[in-house]
mmCIF file of all heavy atoms, coordinates in Angstrom:
data_MODEL
# 
_entry.id   MODEL 
# 
loop_
_atom_site.group_PDB 
_atom_site.id 
_atom_site.type_symbol 
_atom_site.label_atom_id 
_atom_site.label_alt_id 
_atom_site.label_comp_id 
_atom_site.label_asym_id 
_atom_site.label_entity_id 
_atom_site.label_seq_id 
_atom_site.pdbx_PDB_ins_code 
_atom_site.Cartn_x 
_atom_site.Cartn_y 
_atom_site.Cartn_z 
_atom_site.occupancy 
_atom_site.B_iso_or_equiv 
_atom_site.pdbx_formal_charge 
_atom_site.auth_seq_id 
_atom_site.auth_comp_id 
_atom_site.auth_asym_id 
_atom_site.auth_atom_id 
_atom_site.pdbx_PDB_model_num 
ATOM 1   N N   . ILE A 1 1  ? -22.265 -14.322 23.165 1.00 0.00 ? 1  ILE A N   1 
ATOM 2   C CA  . ILE A 1 1  ? -21.096 -14.337 24.076 1.00 0.00 ? 1  ILE A CA  1 
ATOM 3   C C   . ILE A 1 1  ? -21.305 -15.337 25.209 1.00 0.00 ? 1  ILE A C   1 
ATOM 4   O O   . ILE A 1 1  ? -22.398 -15.394 25.787 1.00 0.00 ? 1  ILE A O   1 
ATOM 5   C CB  . ILE A 1 1  ? -20.908 -12.873 24.680 1.00 0.00 ? 1  ILE A CB  1 
ATOM 6   C CG1 . ILE A 1 1  ? -20.703 -11.867 23.528 1.00 0.00 ? 1  ILE A CG1 1 
ATOM 7   C CG2 . ILE A 1 1  ? -19.738 -12.897 25.652 1.00 0.00 ? 1  ILE A CG2 1 
ATOM 8   C CD1 . ILE A 1 1  ? -19.435 -11.942 22.778 1.00 0.00 ? 1  ILE A CD1 1 
ATOM 9   N N   . LYS A 1 2  ? -20.255 -16.048 25.496 1.00 0.00 ? 2  LYS A N   1 
ATOM 10  C CA  . LYS A 1 2  ? -20.272 -16.998 26.658 1.00 0.00 ? 2  LYS A CA  1 
ATOM 11  C C   . LYS A 1 2  ? -20.138 -16.154 27.926 1.00 0.00 ? 2  LYS A C   1 
ATOM 12  O O   . LYS A 1 2  ? -19.020 -15.721 28.290 1.00 0.00 ? 2  LYS A O   1 
ATOM 13  C CB  . LYS A 1 2  ? -19.069 -17.949 26.528 1.00 0.00 ? 2  LYS A CB  1 
ATOM 14  C CG  . LYS A 1 2  ? -19.159 -19.032 27.623 1.00 0.00 ? 2  LYS A CG  1 
ATOM 15  C CD  . LYS A 1 2  ? -17.872 -19.882 27.705 1.00 0.00 ? 2  LYS A CD  1 
ATOM 16  C CE  . LYS A 1 2  ? -17.547 -20.538 26.365 1.00 0.00 ? 2  LYS A CE  1 
ATOM 17  N NZ  . LYS A 1 2  ? -16.391 -21.474 26.470 1.00 0.00 ? 2  LYS A NZ  1 
ATOM 18  N N   . ALA A 1 3  ? -21.275 -15.908 28.581 1.00 0.00 ? 3  ALA A N   1 
ATOM 19  C CA  . ALA A 1 3  ? -21.230 -14.938 29.724 1.00 0.00 ? 3  ALA A CA  1 
ATOM 20  C C   . ALA A 1 3  ? -22.019 -15.489 30.940 1.00 0.00 ? 3  ALA A C   1 
ATOM 21  O O   . ALA A 1 3  ? -22.320 -14.764 31.889 1.00 0.00 ? 3  ALA A O   1 
ATOM 22  C CB  . ALA A 1 3  ? -21.780 -13.571 29.343 1.00 0.00 ? 3  ALA A CB  1 
ATOM 23  N N   . SER A 1 4  ? -22.394 -16.749 30.901 1.00 0.00 ? 4  SER A N   1 
ATOM 24  C CA  . SER A 1 4  ? -23.238 -17.259 32.001 1.00 0.00 ? 4  SER A CA  1 
ATOM 25  C C   . SER A 1 4  ? -22.879 -18.736 32.277 1.00 0.00 ? 4  SER A C   1 
ATOM 26  O O   . SER A 1 4  ? -22.096 -19.304 31.603 1.00 0.00 ? 4  SER A O   1 
ATOM 27  C CB  . SER A 1 4  ? -24.727 -17.101 31.628 1.00 0.00 ? 4  SER A CB  1 
ATOM 28  O OG  . SER A 1 4  ? -25.043 -18.117 30.656 1.00 0.00 ? 4  SER A OG  1 
ATOM 29  N N   . ALA A 1 5  ? -23.589 -19.231 33.221 1.00 0.00 ? 5  ALA A N   1 
ATOM 30  C CA  . ALA A 1 5  ? -23.404 -20.621 33.623 1.00 0.00 ? 5  ALA A CA  1 
ATOM 31  C C   . ALA A 1 5  ? -23.825 -21.575 32.505 1.00 0.00 ? 5  ALA A C   1 
ATOM 32  O O   . ALA A 1 5  ? -23.469 -22.750 32.449 1.00 0.00 ? 5  ALA A O   1 
ATOM 33  C CB  . ALA A 1 5  ? -24.238 -20.979 34.857 1.00 0.00 ? 5  ALA A CB  1 
ATOM 34  N N   . LEU A 1 6  ? -24.550 -21.069 31.529 1.00 0.00 ? 6  LEU A N   1 
ATOM 35  C CA  . LEU A 1 6  ? -24.988 -21.858 30.370 1.00 0.00 ? 6  LEU A CA  1 
ATOM 36  C C   . LEU A 1 6  ? -24.023 -21.847 29.222 1.00 0.00 ? 6  LEU A C   1 
ATOM 37  O O   . LEU A 1 6  ? -24.264 -22.379 28.147 1.00 0.00 ? 6  LEU A O   1 
ATOM 38  C CB  . LEU A 1 6  ? -26.352 -21.387 29.904 1.00 0.00 ? 6  LEU A CB  1 
ATOM 39  C CG  . LEU A 1 6  ? -27.518 -21.501 30.980 1.00 0.00 ? 6  LEU A CG  1 
ATOM 40  C CD1 . LEU A 1 6  ? -28.764 -20.864 30.375 1.00 0.00 ? 6  LEU A CD1 1 
ATOM 41  C CD2 . LEU A 1 6  ? -27.712 -22.921 31.334 1.00 0.00 ? 6  LEU A CD2 1 
ATOM 42  N N   . GLU A 1 7  ? -22.833 -21.328 29.454 1.00 0.00 ? 7  GLU A N   1 
ATOM 43  C CA  . GLU A 1 7  ? -21.743 -21.358 28.545 1.00 0.00 ? 7  GLU A CA  1 
ATOM 44  C C   . GLU A 1 7  ? -22.026 -20.754 27.199 1.00 0.00 ? 7  GLU A C   1 
ATOM 45  O O   . GLU A 1 7  ? -21.464 -21.158 26.149 1.00 0.00 ? 7  GLU A O   1 
ATOM 46  C CB  . GLU A 1 7  ? -21.224 -22.831 28.364 1.00 0.00 ? 7  GLU A CB  1 
ATOM 47  C CG  . GLU A 1 7  ? -20.696 -23.469 29.682 1.00 0.00 ? 7  GLU A CG  1 
ATOM 48  C CD  . GLU A 1 7  ? -19.450 -22.758 30.154 1.00 0.00 ? 7  GLU A CD  1 
ATOM 49  O OE1 . GLU A 1 7  ? -18.473 -22.629 29.385 1.00 0.00 ? 7  GLU A OE1 1 
ATOM 50  O OE2 . GLU A 1 7  ? -19.429 -22.394 31.325 1.00 0.00 ? 7  GLU A OE2 1 
ATOM 51  N N   . GLY A 1 8  ? -22.943 -19.835 27.141 1.00 0.00 ? 8  GLY A N   1 
ATOM 52  C CA  . GLY A 1 8  ? -23.276 -19.124 25.867 1.00 0.00 ? 8  GLY A CA  1 
ATOM 53  C C   . GLY A 1 8  ? -24.425 -19.710 25.084 1.00 0.00 ? 8  GLY A C   1 
ATOM 54  O O   . GLY A 1 8  ? -24.860 -19.135 24.148 1.00 0.00 ? 8  GLY A O   1 
ATOM 55  N N   . MET A 1 9  ? -24.914 -20.864 25.513 1.00 0.00 ? 9  MET A N   1 
ATOM 56  C CA  . MET A 1 9  ? -26.069 -21.448 24.841 1.00 0.00 ? 9  MET A CA  1 
ATOM 57  C C   . MET A 1 9  ? -27.300 -20.568 24.907 1.00 0.00 ? 9  MET A C   1 
ATOM 58  O O   . MET A 1 9  ? -28.049 -20.508 23.921 1.00 0.00 ? 9  MET A O   1 
ATOM 59  C CB  . MET A 1 9  ? -26.397 -22.861 25.367 1.00 0.00 ? 9  MET A CB  1 
ATOM 60  C CG  . MET A 1 9  ? -25.391 -23.931 24.876 1.00 0.00 ? 9  MET A CG  1 
ATOM 61  S SD  . MET A 1 9  ? -25.271 -24.096 23.094 1.00 0.00 ? 9  MET A SD  1 
ATOM 62  C CE  . MET A 1 9  ? -26.918 -24.657 22.679 1.00 0.00 ? 9  MET A CE  1 
ATOM 63  N N   . ASP A 1 10 ? -27.517 -19.936 26.031 1.00 0.00 ? 10 ASP A N   1 
ATOM 64  C CA  . ASP A 1 10 ? -28.665 -19.011 26.220 1.00 0.00 ? 10 ASP A CA  1 
ATOM 65  C C   . ASP A 1 10 ? -28.480 -17.869 25.189 1.00 0.00 ? 10 ASP A C   1 
ATOM 66  O O   . ASP A 1 10 ? -29.483 -17.497 24.486 1.00 0.00 ? 10 ASP A O   1 
ATOM 67  C CB  . ASP A 1 10 ? -28.752 -18.454 27.600 1.00 0.00 ? 10 ASP A CB  1 
ATOM 68  C CG  . ASP A 1 10 ? -27.397 -17.970 28.165 1.00 0.00 ? 10 ASP A CG  1 
ATOM 69  O OD1 . ASP A 1 10 ? -26.353 -18.200 27.568 1.00 0.00 ? 10 ASP A OD1 1 
ATOM 70  O OD2 . ASP A 1 10 ? -27.409 -17.343 29.258 1.00 0.00 ? 10 ASP A OD2 1 
ATOM 71  N N   . ALA A 1 11 ? -27.302 -17.297 25.052 1.00 0.00 ? 11 ALA A N   1 
ATOM 72  C CA  . ALA A 1 11 ? -27.115 -16.208 24.110 1.00 0.00 ? 11 ALA A CA  1 
ATOM 73  C C   . ALA A 1 11 ? -27.218 -16.668 22.628 1.00 0.00 ? 11 ALA A C   1 
ATOM 74  O O   . ALA A 1 11 ? -27.815 -15.993 21.767 1.00 0.00 ? 11 ALA A O   1 
ATOM 75  C CB  . ALA A 1 11 ? -25.701 -15.605 24.322 1.00 0.00 ? 11 ALA A CB  1 
ATOM 76  N N   . LEU A 1 12 ? -26.743 -17.879 22.378 1.00 0.00 ? 12 LEU A N   1 
ATOM 77  C CA  . LEU A 1 12 ? -26.852 -18.429 20.986 1.00 0.00 ? 12 LEU A CA  1 
ATOM 78  C C   . LEU A 1 12 ? -28.296 -18.567 20.624 1.00 0.00 ? 12 LEU A C   1 
ATOM 79  O O   . LEU A 1 12 ? -28.725 -18.105 19.557 1.00 0.00 ? 12 LEU A O   1 
ATOM 80  C CB  . LEU A 1 12 ? -26.160 -19.804 20.911 1.00 0.00 ? 12 LEU A CB  1 
ATOM 81  C CG  . LEU A 1 12 ? -26.284 -20.524 19.564 1.00 0.00 ? 12 LEU A CG  1 
ATOM 82  C CD1 . LEU A 1 12 ? -25.659 -19.708 18.467 1.00 0.00 ? 12 LEU A CD1 1 
ATOM 83  C CD2 . LEU A 1 12 ? -25.686 -21.915 19.660 1.00 0.00 ? 12 LEU A CD2 1 
ATOM 84  N N   . LEU A 1 13 ? -29.113 -19.202 21.495 1.00 0.00 ? 13 LEU A N   1 
ATOM 85  C CA  . LEU A 1 13 ? -30.478 -19.402 21.134 1.00 0.00 ? 13 LEU A CA  1 
ATOM 86  C C   . LEU A 1 13 ? -31.258 -18.115 21.067 1.00 0.00 ? 13 LEU A C   1 
ATOM 87  O O   . LEU A 1 13 ? -32.145 -17.971 20.170 1.00 0.00 ? 13 LEU A O   1 
ATOM 88  C CB  . LEU A 1 13 ? -31.127 -20.312 22.191 1.00 0.00 ? 13 LEU A CB  1 
ATOM 89  C CG  . LEU A 1 13 ? -30.591 -21.756 22.194 1.00 0.00 ? 13 LEU A CG  1 
ATOM 90  C CD1 . LEU A 1 13 ? -31.117 -22.573 23.362 1.00 0.00 ? 13 LEU A CD1 1 
ATOM 91  C CD2 . LEU A 1 13 ? -30.844 -22.434 20.896 1.00 0.00 ? 13 LEU A CD2 1 
ATOM 92  N N   . SER A 1 14 ? -30.944 -17.135 21.909 1.00 0.00 ? 14 SER A N   1 
ATOM 93  C CA  . SER A 1 14 ? -31.618 -15.804 21.801 1.00 0.00 ? 14 SER A CA  1 
ATOM 94  C C   . SER A 1 14 ? -31.259 -15.120 20.488 1.00 0.00 ? 14 SER A C   1 
ATOM 95  O O   . SER A 1 14 ? -32.086 -14.428 19.903 1.00 0.00 ? 14 SER A O   1 
ATOM 96  C CB  . SER A 1 14 ? -31.185 -14.920 22.923 1.00 0.00 ? 14 SER A CB  1 
ATOM 97  O OG  . SER A 1 14 ? -31.657 -15.395 24.170 1.00 0.00 ? 14 SER A OG  1 
ATOM 98  N N   . THR A 1 15 ? -30.053 -15.336 20.020 1.00 0.00 ? 15 THR A N   1 
ATOM 99  C CA  . THR A 1 15 ? -29.596 -14.625 18.776 1.00 0.00 ? 15 THR A CA  1 
ATOM 100 C C   . THR A 1 15 ? -30.160 -15.311 17.506 1.00 0.00 ? 15 THR A C   1 
ATOM 101 O O   . THR A 1 15 ? -30.550 -14.585 16.560 1.00 0.00 ? 15 THR A O   1 
ATOM 102 C CB  . THR A 1 15 ? -28.075 -14.584 18.738 1.00 0.00 ? 15 THR A CB  1 
ATOM 103 O OG1 . THR A 1 15 ? -27.593 -14.020 19.991 1.00 0.00 ? 15 THR A OG1 1 
ATOM 104 C CG2 . THR A 1 15 ? -27.578 -13.702 17.604 1.00 0.00 ? 15 THR A CG2 1 
ATOM 105 N N   . VAL A 1 16 ? -30.238 -16.601 17.469 1.00 0.00 ? 16 VAL A N   1 
ATOM 106 C CA  . VAL A 1 16 ? -30.663 -17.280 16.285 1.00 0.00 ? 16 VAL A CA  1 
ATOM 107 C C   . VAL A 1 16 ? -32.160 -17.371 16.155 1.00 0.00 ? 16 VAL A C   1 
ATOM 108 O O   . VAL A 1 16 ? -32.673 -17.575 15.033 1.00 0.00 ? 16 VAL A O   1 
ATOM 109 C CB  . VAL A 1 16 ? -30.091 -18.718 16.076 1.00 0.00 ? 16 VAL A CB  1 
ATOM 110 C CG1 . VAL A 1 16 ? -28.568 -18.667 16.029 1.00 0.00 ? 16 VAL A CG1 1 
ATOM 111 C CG2 . VAL A 1 16 ? -30.548 -19.634 17.142 1.00 0.00 ? 16 VAL A CG2 1 
ATOM 112 N N   . GLN A 1 17 ? -32.936 -17.255 17.238 1.00 0.00 ? 17 GLN A N   1 
ATOM 113 C CA  . GLN A 1 17 ? -34.386 -17.461 17.171 1.00 0.00 ? 17 GLN A CA  1 
ATOM 114 C C   . GLN A 1 17 ? -35.115 -16.141 16.859 1.00 0.00 ? 17 GLN A C   1 
ATOM 115 O O   . GLN A 1 17 ? -35.951 -15.688 17.626 1.00 0.00 ? 17 GLN A O   1 
ATOM 116 C CB  . GLN A 1 17 ? -34.857 -18.012 18.512 1.00 0.00 ? 17 GLN A CB  1 
ATOM 117 C CG  . GLN A 1 17 ? -34.352 -19.414 18.797 1.00 0.00 ? 17 GLN A CG  1 
ATOM 118 C CD  . GLN A 1 17 ? -34.858 -20.424 17.755 1.00 0.00 ? 17 GLN A CD  1 
ATOM 119 O OE1 . GLN A 1 17 ? -35.940 -20.304 17.219 1.00 0.00 ? 17 GLN A OE1 1 
ATOM 120 N NE2 . GLN A 1 17 ? -34.072 -21.491 17.565 1.00 0.00 ? 17 GLN A NE2 1 
ATOM 121 N N   . MET A 1 18 ? -34.808 -15.569 15.710 1.00 0.00 ? 18 MET A N   1 
ATOM 122 C CA  . MET A 1 18 ? -35.465 -14.324 15.313 1.00 0.00 ? 18 MET A CA  1 
ATOM 123 C C   . MET A 1 18 ? -36.756 -14.624 14.576 1.00 0.00 ? 18 MET A C   1 
ATOM 124 O O   . MET A 1 18 ? -36.796 -15.598 13.797 1.00 0.00 ? 18 MET A O   1 
ATOM 125 C CB  . MET A 1 18 ? -34.507 -13.483 14.438 1.00 0.00 ? 18 MET A CB  1 
ATOM 126 C CG  . MET A 1 18 ? -33.320 -12.960 15.184 1.00 0.00 ? 18 MET A CG  1 
ATOM 127 S SD  . MET A 1 18 ? -33.754 -11.922 16.622 1.00 0.00 ? 18 MET A SD  1 
ATOM 128 C CE  . MET A 1 18 ? -34.628 -10.628 15.757 1.00 0.00 ? 18 MET A CE  1 
ATOM 129 N N   . PRO A 1 19 ? -37.770 -13.766 14.708 1.00 0.00 ? 19 PRO A N   1 
ATOM 130 C CA  . PRO A 1 19 ? -39.001 -13.987 13.969 1.00 0.00 ? 19 PRO A CA  1 
ATOM 131 C C   . PRO A 1 19 ? -38.843 -13.685 12.485 1.00 0.00 ? 19 PRO A C   1 
ATOM 132 O O   . PRO A 1 19 ? -38.011 -12.909 12.101 1.00 0.00 ? 19 PRO A O   1 
ATOM 133 C CB  . PRO A 1 19 ? -39.958 -12.984 14.608 1.00 0.00 ? 19 PRO A CB  1 
ATOM 134 C CG  . PRO A 1 19 ? -39.128 -11.918 15.209 1.00 0.00 ? 19 PRO A CG  1 
ATOM 135 C CD  . PRO A 1 19 ? -37.809 -12.569 15.597 1.00 0.00 ? 19 PRO A CD  1 
ATOM 136 N N   . ALA A 1 20 ? -39.705 -14.279 11.638 1.00 0.00 ? 20 ALA A N   1 
ATOM 137 C CA  . ALA A 1 20 ? -39.644 -14.024 10.221 1.00 0.00 ? 20 ALA A CA  1 
ATOM 138 C C   . ALA A 1 20 ? -39.750 -12.533 9.906  1.00 0.00 ? 20 ALA A C   1 
ATOM 139 O O   . ALA A 1 20 ? -40.509 -11.822 10.575 1.00 0.00 ? 20 ALA A O   1 
ATOM 140 C CB  . ALA A 1 20 ? -40.776 -14.804 9.500  1.00 0.00 ? 20 ALA A CB  1 
ATOM 141 N N   . GLY A 1 21 ? -38.903 -12.076 9.021  1.00 0.00 ? 21 GLY A N   1 
ATOM 142 C CA  . GLY A 1 21 ? -38.943 -10.682 8.683  1.00 0.00 ? 21 GLY A CA  1 
ATOM 143 C C   . GLY A 1 21 ? -37.894 -9.843  9.350  1.00 0.00 ? 21 GLY A C   1 
ATOM 144 O O   . GLY A 1 21 ? -37.606 -8.643  8.948  1.00 0.00 ? 21 GLY A O   1 
ATOM 145 N N   . ILE A 1 22 ? -37.266 -10.329 10.397 1.00 0.00 ? 22 ILE A N   1 
ATOM 146 C CA  . ILE A 1 22 ? -36.173 -9.597  11.152 1.00 0.00 ? 22 ILE A CA  1 
ATOM 147 C C   . ILE A 1 22 ? -34.977 -10.543 11.246 1.00 0.00 ? 22 ILE A C   1 
ATOM 148 O O   . ILE A 1 22 ? -34.725 -11.091 12.293 1.00 0.00 ? 22 ILE A O   1 
ATOM 149 C CB  . ILE A 1 22 ? -36.680 -9.168  12.546 1.00 0.00 ? 22 ILE A CB  1 
ATOM 150 C CG1 . ILE A 1 22 ? -37.975 -8.425  12.521 1.00 0.00 ? 22 ILE A CG1 1 
ATOM 151 C CG2 . ILE A 1 22 ? -35.581 -8.296  13.168 1.00 0.00 ? 22 ILE A CG2 1 
ATOM 152 C CD1 . ILE A 1 22 ? -37.965 -7.062  11.856 1.00 0.00 ? 22 ILE A CD1 1 
ATOM 153 N N   . PRO A 1 23 ? -34.254 -10.678 10.150 1.00 0.00 ? 23 PRO A N   1 
ATOM 154 C CA  . PRO A 1 23 ? -33.065 -11.584 10.150 1.00 0.00 ? 23 PRO A CA  1 
ATOM 155 C C   . PRO A 1 23 ? -31.912 -11.079 10.895 1.00 0.00 ? 23 PRO A C   1 
ATOM 156 O O   . PRO A 1 23 ? -31.605 -9.899  10.926 1.00 0.00 ? 23 PRO A O   1 
ATOM 157 C CB  . PRO A 1 23 ? -32.759 -11.771 8.650  1.00 0.00 ? 23 PRO A CB  1 
ATOM 158 C CG  . PRO A 1 23 ? -33.224 -10.527 8.013  1.00 0.00 ? 23 PRO A CG  1 
ATOM 159 C CD  . PRO A 1 23 ? -34.422 -10.050 8.827  1.00 0.00 ? 23 PRO A CD  1 
ATOM 160 N N   . VAL A 1 24 ? -31.211 -11.994 11.531 1.00 0.00 ? 24 VAL A N   1 
ATOM 161 C CA  . VAL A 1 24 ? -29.896 -11.710 12.144 1.00 0.00 ? 24 VAL A CA  1 
ATOM 162 C C   . VAL A 1 24 ? -29.026 -12.875 11.742 1.00 0.00 ? 24 VAL A C   1 
ATOM 163 O O   . VAL A 1 24 ? -29.344 -14.092 12.062 1.00 0.00 ? 24 VAL A O   1 
ATOM 164 C CB  . VAL A 1 24 ? -29.997 -11.626 13.702 1.00 0.00 ? 24 VAL A CB  1 
ATOM 165 C CG1 . VAL A 1 24 ? -28.596 -11.579 14.314 1.00 0.00 ? 24 VAL A CG1 1 
ATOM 166 C CG2 . VAL A 1 24 ? -30.766 -10.397 14.146 1.00 0.00 ? 24 VAL A CG2 1 
ATOM 167 N N   . ALA A 1 25 ? -27.923 -12.622 11.023 1.00 0.00 ? 25 ALA A N   1 
ATOM 168 C CA  . ALA A 1 25 ? -26.924 -13.663 10.744 1.00 0.00 ? 25 ALA A CA  1 
ATOM 169 C C   . ALA A 1 25 ? -26.228 -13.943 12.095 1.00 0.00 ? 25 ALA A C   1 
ATOM 170 O O   . ALA A 1 25 ? -25.895 -12.993 12.797 1.00 0.00 ? 25 ALA A O   1 
ATOM 171 C CB  . ALA A 1 25 ? -25.940 -13.207 9.705  1.00 0.00 ? 25 ALA A CB  1 
ATOM 172 N N   . THR A 1 26 ? -26.026 -15.199 12.439 1.00 0.00 ? 26 THR A N   1 
ATOM 173 C CA  . THR A 1 26 ? -25.396 -15.496 13.682 1.00 0.00 ? 26 THR A CA  1 
ATOM 174 C C   . THR A 1 26 ? -24.191 -16.354 13.532 1.00 0.00 ? 26 THR A C   1 
ATOM 175 O O   . THR A 1 26 ? -24.214 -17.323 12.753 1.00 0.00 ? 26 THR A O   1 
ATOM 176 C CB  . THR A 1 26 ? -26.427 -16.251 14.596 1.00 0.00 ? 26 THR A CB  1 
ATOM 177 O OG1 . THR A 1 26 ? -27.625 -15.491 14.649 1.00 0.00 ? 26 THR A OG1 1 
ATOM 178 C CG2 . THR A 1 26 ? -25.864 -16.464 15.980 1.00 0.00 ? 26 THR A CG2 1 
ATOM 179 N N   . VAL A 1 27 ? -23.078 -16.043 14.196 1.00 0.00 ? 27 VAL A N   1 
ATOM 180 C CA  . VAL A 1 27 ? -21.890 -16.806 14.194 1.00 0.00 ? 27 VAL A CA  1 
ATOM 181 C C   . VAL A 1 27 ? -21.775 -17.627 15.435 1.00 0.00 ? 27 VAL A C   1 
ATOM 182 O O   . VAL A 1 27 ? -22.668 -17.519 16.290 1.00 0.00 ? 27 VAL A O   1 
ATOM 183 C CB  . VAL A 1 27 ? -20.639 -15.920 13.990 1.00 0.00 ? 27 VAL A CB  1 
ATOM 184 C CG1 . VAL A 1 27 ? -20.637 -15.228 12.628 1.00 0.00 ? 27 VAL A CG1 1 
ATOM 185 C CG2 . VAL A 1 27 ? -20.449 -14.929 15.081 1.00 0.00 ? 27 VAL A CG2 1 
ATOM 186 N N   . ALA A 1 28 ? -20.747 -18.406 15.577 1.00 0.00 ? 28 ALA A N   1 
ATOM 187 C CA  . ALA A 1 28 ? -20.592 -19.232 16.742 1.00 0.00 ? 28 ALA A CA  1 
ATOM 188 C C   . ALA A 1 28 ? -20.410 -18.448 18.057 1.00 0.00 ? 28 ALA A C   1 
ATOM 189 O O   . ALA A 1 28 ? -20.141 -17.252 18.050 1.00 0.00 ? 28 ALA A O   1 
ATOM 190 C CB  . ALA A 1 28 ? -19.311 -20.100 16.548 1.00 0.00 ? 28 ALA A CB  1 
ATOM 191 N N   . ILE A 1 29 ? -20.654 -19.073 19.163 1.00 0.00 ? 29 ILE A N   1 
ATOM 192 C CA  . ILE A 1 29 ? -20.402 -18.497 20.455 1.00 0.00 ? 29 ILE A CA  1 
ATOM 193 C C   . ILE A 1 29 ? -18.991 -17.951 20.496 1.00 0.00 ? 29 ILE A C   1 
ATOM 194 O O   . ILE A 1 29 ? -18.046 -18.686 20.216 1.00 0.00 ? 29 ILE A O   1 
ATOM 195 C CB  . ILE A 1 29 ? -20.679 -19.512 21.578 1.00 0.00 ? 29 ILE A CB  1 
ATOM 196 C CG1 . ILE A 1 29 ? -22.123 -19.927 21.591 1.00 0.00 ? 29 ILE A CG1 1 
ATOM 197 C CG2 . ILE A 1 29 ? -20.288 -18.887 22.959 1.00 0.00 ? 29 ILE A CG2 1 
ATOM 198 C CD1 . ILE A 1 29 ? -22.404 -21.155 22.462 1.00 0.00 ? 29 ILE A CD1 1 
# 
């Protein structure tokens, strides 16, 4: 979600950077 001064890039990177074995499919901001 775009919820900060970083326009959602912080949330995007937090969501896509999952460790091996714990997948999360991620859609656009």
